[in-house]
Amino acid sequence: MVGDTIREVDREVLVDMEQIQYSEKYYDDTYEYRHVVLPPEVAKLLPRNILLSEKQWRLVGVQQSRGWVHYAIHRPEPHIMLFRRPINYQQQEEEAAAAHVLPK
């Protein structure tokens, strides 16, 4: 069902990427957070009460760096997607990439 709904969004609504609004990041001791506000015409086509995978939210038109997880649904305003990732995610990615680089 989720996959079908995402395809509907792709066919029926051409999302103007400028209509998607991104919050600044905010933090606690463990995670960095941000919320993304979708245009109403996209939000109404998404399944209710289901968290989207990275592949799914990218198909909807959300664009952000890797590692973000759609972790909660803001029930009063389902067009607002809540994301988080570990606070040191980018540093860990860079260290992992550097470890795979072989010296010449």
N, C-alpha and C. Protein backbone atom coordinates (compact mmCIF):
# COMPACT_ATOMS: atom_id res chain seq x y z
N MET A 1 0.81 -1.20 0.00
CA MET A 1 0.00 0.00 0.00
C MET A 1 0.85 1.26 0.00
N VAL A 2 1.89 1.28 0.85
CA VAL A 2 2.73 2.47 0.90
C VAL A 2 3.38 2.72 -0.45
N GLY A 3 3.90 1.68 -1.07
CA GLY A 3 4.52 1.85 -2.39
C GLY A 3 3.55 2.38 -3.41
N ASP A 4 2.31 1.86 -3.40
CA ASP A 4 1.29 2.34 -4.33
C ASP A 4 1.00 3.81 -4.10
N THR A 5 0.90 4.20 -2.84
CA THR A 5 0.61 5.60 -2.52
C THR A 5 1.73 6.49 -3.00
N ILE A 6 2.96 6.07 -2.82
CA ILE A 6 4.09 6.88 -3.27
C ILE A 6 4.04 7.03 -4.79
N ARG A 7 3.71 5.97 -5.50
CA ARG A 7 3.60 6.08 -6.96
C ARG A 7 2.49 7.06 -7.35
N GLU A 8 1.38 7.07 -6.60
CA GLU A 8 0.31 8.02 -6.87
C GLU A 8 0.82 9.45 -6.75
N VAL A 9 1.60 9.71 -5.72
CA VAL A 9 2.15 11.05 -5.54
C VAL A 9 2.99 11.40 -6.76
N ASP A 10 3.81 10.45 -7.21
CA ASP A 10 4.68 10.67 -8.35
C ASP A 10 3.88 11.01 -9.61
N ARG A 11 2.78 10.31 -9.84
CA ARG A 11 1.98 10.52 -11.04
C ARG A 11 1.10 11.76 -10.96
N GLU A 12 0.44 11.95 -9.84
CA GLU A 12 -0.61 12.95 -9.75
C GLU A 12 -0.12 14.35 -9.39
N VAL A 13 0.99 14.45 -8.71
CA VAL A 13 1.43 15.74 -8.22
C VAL A 13 2.88 15.97 -8.62
N LEU A 14 3.09 17.01 -9.37
CA LEU A 14 4.46 17.42 -9.66
C LEU A 14 4.85 18.41 -8.57
N VAL A 15 5.69 17.97 -7.67
CA VAL A 15 6.02 18.79 -6.51
C VAL A 15 7.05 19.84 -6.89
N ASP A 16 6.71 21.07 -6.65
CA ASP A 16 7.67 22.15 -6.77
C ASP A 16 8.53 22.06 -5.51
N MET A 17 9.80 21.71 -5.68
CA MET A 17 10.68 21.48 -4.54
C MET A 17 10.75 22.69 -3.61
N GLU A 18 10.49 23.87 -4.13
CA GLU A 18 10.52 25.06 -3.29
C GLU A 18 9.33 25.11 -2.34
N GLN A 19 8.30 24.31 -2.60
CA GLN A 19 7.14 24.28 -1.71
C GLN A 19 7.41 23.45 -0.46
N ILE A 20 8.41 22.58 -0.50
CA ILE A 20 8.75 21.79 0.68
C ILE A 20 9.62 22.66 1.58
N GLN A 21 9.22 22.77 2.84
CA GLN A 21 9.94 23.63 3.78
C GLN A 21 10.71 22.78 4.79
N TYR A 22 11.95 23.18 5.05
CA TYR A 22 12.83 22.46 5.96
C TYR A 22 13.16 23.33 7.16
N SER A 23 13.06 22.77 8.35
CA SER A 23 13.42 23.51 9.55
C SER A 23 14.94 23.54 9.70
N GLU A 24 15.39 24.42 10.55
CA GLU A 24 16.78 24.36 11.00
C GLU A 24 16.91 23.09 11.84
N LYS A 25 18.13 22.62 12.01
CA LYS A 25 18.36 21.45 12.86
C LYS A 25 18.29 21.89 14.32
N TYR A 26 17.83 20.98 15.17
CA TYR A 26 17.85 21.21 16.60
C TYR A 26 18.33 19.92 17.25
N TYR A 27 18.82 20.00 18.49
CA TYR A 27 19.60 18.91 19.07
C TYR A 27 19.19 18.58 20.49
N ASP A 28 19.46 17.33 20.88
CA ASP A 28 19.52 16.95 22.28
C ASP A 28 20.87 16.25 22.45
N ASP A 29 21.06 15.49 23.51
CA ASP A 29 22.36 14.86 23.74
C ASP A 29 22.65 13.70 22.79
N THR A 30 21.64 13.15 22.16
CA THR A 30 21.79 11.95 21.35
C THR A 30 21.56 12.18 19.86
N TYR A 31 20.58 13.00 19.53
CA TYR A 31 20.16 13.16 18.14
C TYR A 31 20.17 14.61 17.68
N GLU A 32 20.25 14.75 16.36
CA GLU A 32 19.89 16.03 15.74
C GLU A 32 18.54 15.79 15.07
N TYR A 33 17.73 16.81 15.07
CA TYR A 33 16.36 16.70 14.57
C TYR A 33 16.10 17.78 13.53
N ARG A 34 15.10 17.54 12.74
CA ARG A 34 14.55 18.58 11.87
C ARG A 34 13.15 18.13 11.47
N HIS A 35 12.36 19.08 11.09
CA HIS A 35 11.04 18.73 10.56
C HIS A 35 10.91 19.30 9.16
N VAL A 36 10.10 18.62 8.38
CA VAL A 36 9.89 18.98 6.98
C VAL A 36 8.38 19.15 6.78
N VAL A 37 8.01 20.28 6.20
CA VAL A 37 6.60 20.58 5.97
C VAL A 37 6.30 20.35 4.49
N LEU A 38 5.40 19.41 4.22
CA LEU A 38 5.01 19.08 2.84
C LEU A 38 3.85 19.96 2.39
N PRO A 39 3.77 20.22 1.09
CA PRO A 39 2.59 20.91 0.56
C PRO A 39 1.34 20.05 0.81
N PRO A 40 0.21 20.66 1.07
CA PRO A 40 -1.01 19.89 1.37
C PRO A 40 -1.39 18.88 0.29
N GLU A 41 -1.18 19.21 -0.98
CA GLU A 41 -1.57 18.28 -2.04
C GLU A 41 -0.74 17.00 -2.04
N VAL A 42 0.47 17.06 -1.51
CA VAL A 42 1.30 15.85 -1.37
C VAL A 42 0.92 15.12 -0.10
N ALA A 43 0.81 15.85 0.98
CA ALA A 43 0.53 15.23 2.28
C ALA A 43 -0.77 14.43 2.27
N LYS A 44 -1.78 14.90 1.58
CA LYS A 44 -3.07 14.19 1.60
C LYS A 44 -3.00 12.85 0.86
N LEU A 45 -2.01 12.64 0.02
CA LEU A 45 -1.87 11.38 -0.71
C LEU A 45 -1.04 10.34 0.04
N LEU A 46 -0.36 10.76 1.11
CA LEU A 46 0.49 9.82 1.85
C LEU A 46 -0.36 8.96 2.78
N PRO A 47 0.11 7.74 3.04
CA PRO A 47 -0.63 6.88 3.97
C PRO A 47 -0.59 7.48 5.38
N ARG A 48 -1.67 7.33 6.10
CA ARG A 48 -1.72 7.83 7.48
C ARG A 48 -1.12 6.80 8.43
N ASN A 49 -0.49 7.29 9.47
CA ASN A 49 0.03 6.45 10.55
C ASN A 49 1.11 5.47 10.11
N ILE A 50 1.84 5.81 9.06
CA ILE A 50 2.94 4.95 8.60
C ILE A 50 4.18 5.81 8.44
N LEU A 51 5.28 5.36 9.05
CA LEU A 51 6.56 6.05 8.87
C LEU A 51 7.15 5.63 7.54
N LEU A 52 7.74 6.58 6.84
CA LEU A 52 8.29 6.30 5.51
C LEU A 52 9.77 5.95 5.59
N SER A 53 10.20 5.05 4.74
CA SER A 53 11.62 4.74 4.61
C SER A 53 12.30 5.89 3.87
N GLU A 54 13.62 5.89 3.88
CA GLU A 54 14.35 6.94 3.16
C GLU A 54 13.99 6.92 1.68
N LYS A 55 13.89 5.76 1.09
CA LYS A 55 13.52 5.67 -0.32
C LYS A 55 12.15 6.31 -0.57
N GLN A 56 11.21 6.04 0.31
CA GLN A 56 9.86 6.58 0.14
C GLN A 56 9.81 8.09 0.30
N TRP A 57 10.47 8.63 1.35
CA TRP A 57 10.38 10.08 1.51
C TRP A 57 11.16 10.81 0.43
N ARG A 58 12.18 10.18 -0.13
CA ARG A 58 12.87 10.80 -1.27
C ARG A 58 11.96 10.81 -2.51
N LEU A 59 11.18 9.76 -2.72
CA LEU A 59 10.24 9.72 -3.84
C LEU A 59 9.19 10.82 -3.74
N VAL A 60 8.83 11.19 -2.52
CA VAL A 60 7.86 12.26 -2.31
C VAL A 60 8.46 13.61 -2.67
N GLY A 61 9.79 13.70 -2.65
CA GLY A 61 10.45 14.96 -2.99
C GLY A 61 11.27 15.57 -1.88
N VAL A 62 11.32 14.92 -0.72
CA VAL A 62 12.13 15.42 0.39
C VAL A 62 13.60 15.20 0.04
N GLN A 63 14.39 16.26 0.19
CA GLN A 63 15.81 16.19 -0.12
C GLN A 63 16.62 16.61 1.10
N GLN A 64 17.42 15.70 1.60
CA GLN A 64 18.32 15.99 2.70
C GLN A 64 19.43 14.96 2.68
N SER A 65 20.48 15.23 3.43
CA SER A 65 21.63 14.34 3.42
C SER A 65 21.26 12.98 4.02
N ARG A 66 22.17 12.03 3.87
CA ARG A 66 21.92 10.66 4.31
C ARG A 66 21.83 10.56 5.83
N GLY A 67 21.17 9.51 6.26
CA GLY A 67 21.14 9.19 7.68
C GLY A 67 19.90 9.64 8.43
N TRP A 68 19.08 10.46 7.80
CA TRP A 68 17.86 10.94 8.46
C TRP A 68 16.81 9.84 8.46
N VAL A 69 16.12 9.69 9.58
CA VAL A 69 15.08 8.68 9.75
C VAL A 69 13.76 9.39 10.08
N HIS A 70 12.72 9.05 9.35
CA HIS A 70 11.37 9.55 9.65
C HIS A 70 10.92 8.77 10.88
N TYR A 71 10.99 9.40 12.06
CA TYR A 71 10.82 8.68 13.31
C TYR A 71 9.48 8.88 14.00
N ALA A 72 8.71 9.89 13.59
CA ALA A 72 7.44 10.14 14.28
C ALA A 72 6.48 10.87 13.35
N ILE A 73 5.21 10.73 13.68
CA ILE A 73 4.15 11.43 12.94
C ILE A 73 3.53 12.45 13.90
N HIS A 74 3.47 13.67 13.48
CA HIS A 74 2.86 14.74 14.28
C HIS A 74 1.37 14.72 13.97
N ARG A 75 0.61 13.97 14.75
CA ARG A 75 -0.79 13.68 14.44
C ARG A 75 -1.66 14.92 14.21
N PRO A 76 -1.50 15.98 14.98
CA PRO A 76 -2.36 17.15 14.68
C PRO A 76 -2.08 17.76 13.31
N GLU A 77 -0.85 17.57 12.82
CA GLU A 77 -0.47 18.14 11.52
C GLU A 77 0.31 17.10 10.73
N PRO A 78 -0.38 16.14 10.10
CA PRO A 78 0.31 15.03 9.43
C PRO A 78 1.15 15.46 8.23
N HIS A 79 1.02 16.69 7.77
CA HIS A 79 1.86 17.17 6.67
C HIS A 79 3.26 17.56 7.15
N ILE A 80 3.48 17.49 8.47
CA ILE A 80 4.80 17.77 9.03
C ILE A 80 5.48 16.45 9.33
N MET A 81 6.60 16.19 8.65
CA MET A 81 7.36 14.96 8.85
C MET A 81 8.48 15.25 9.84
N LEU A 82 8.64 14.38 10.84
CA LEU A 82 9.66 14.56 11.87
C LEU A 82 10.80 13.59 11.61
N PHE A 83 12.02 14.14 11.55
CA PHE A 83 13.21 13.36 11.25
C PHE A 83 14.24 13.50 12.36
N ARG A 84 15.08 12.47 12.51
CA ARG A 84 16.22 12.54 13.42
C ARG A 84 17.33 11.65 12.88
N ARG A 85 18.54 11.90 13.38
CA ARG A 85 19.68 11.02 13.13
C ARG A 85 20.67 11.21 14.27
N PRO A 86 21.54 10.23 14.49
CA PRO A 86 22.51 10.36 15.57
C PRO A 86 23.32 11.65 15.40
N ILE A 87 23.64 12.27 16.51
CA ILE A 87 24.28 13.57 16.48
C ILE A 87 25.63 13.55 15.77
N ASN A 88 26.33 12.43 15.80
CA ASN A 88 27.65 12.35 15.16
C ASN A 88 27.61 11.54 13.87
N TYR A 89 26.48 11.45 13.22
CA TYR A 89 26.31 10.61 12.03
C TYR A 89 27.28 11.00 10.91
N GLN A 90 27.37 12.27 10.58
CA GLN A 90 28.24 12.69 9.47
C GLN A 90 29.70 12.41 9.79
N GLN A 91 30.11 12.63 11.03
CA GLN A 91 31.49 12.35 11.42
C GLN A 91 31.79 10.86 11.26
N GLN A 92 30.88 10.00 11.68
CA GLN A 92 31.07 8.56 11.53
C GLN A 92 31.16 8.16 10.07
N GLU A 93 30.34 8.76 9.21
CA GLU A 93 30.38 8.48 7.78
C GLU A 93 31.72 8.88 7.18
N GLU A 94 32.21 10.06 7.55
CA GLU A 94 33.49 10.54 7.03
C GLU A 94 34.64 9.64 7.49
N GLU A 95 34.61 9.22 8.75
CA GLU A 95 35.65 8.33 9.26
C GLU A 95 35.61 6.97 8.56
N ALA A 96 34.42 6.46 8.31
CA ALA A 96 34.28 5.18 7.61
C ALA A 96 34.80 5.30 6.18
N ALA A 97 34.50 6.41 5.52
CA ALA A 97 34.98 6.62 4.15
C ALA A 97 36.49 6.74 4.13
N ALA A 98 37.06 7.45 5.10
CA ALA A 98 38.51 7.62 5.16
C ALA A 98 39.21 6.28 5.42
N ALA A 99 38.58 5.41 6.19
CA ALA A 99 39.16 4.10 6.48
C ALA A 99 39.21 3.22 5.24
N HIS A 100 38.34 3.47 4.27
CA HIS A 100 38.31 2.68 3.04
C HIS A 100 39.23 3.22 1.96
N VAL A 101 39.84 4.36 2.19
CA VAL A 101 40.76 4.94 1.21
C VAL A 101 42.12 4.29 1.41
N LEU A 102 42.63 3.72 0.35
CA LEU A 102 43.93 3.06 0.43
C LEU A 102 45.04 4.05 0.13
N PRO A 103 46.13 4.02 0.91
CA PRO A 103 47.25 4.92 0.61
C PRO A 103 47.90 4.54 -0.72
N LYS A 104 48.42 5.54 -1.42
CA LYS A 104 49.07 5.29 -2.72
C LYS A 104 50.50 4.86 -2.56
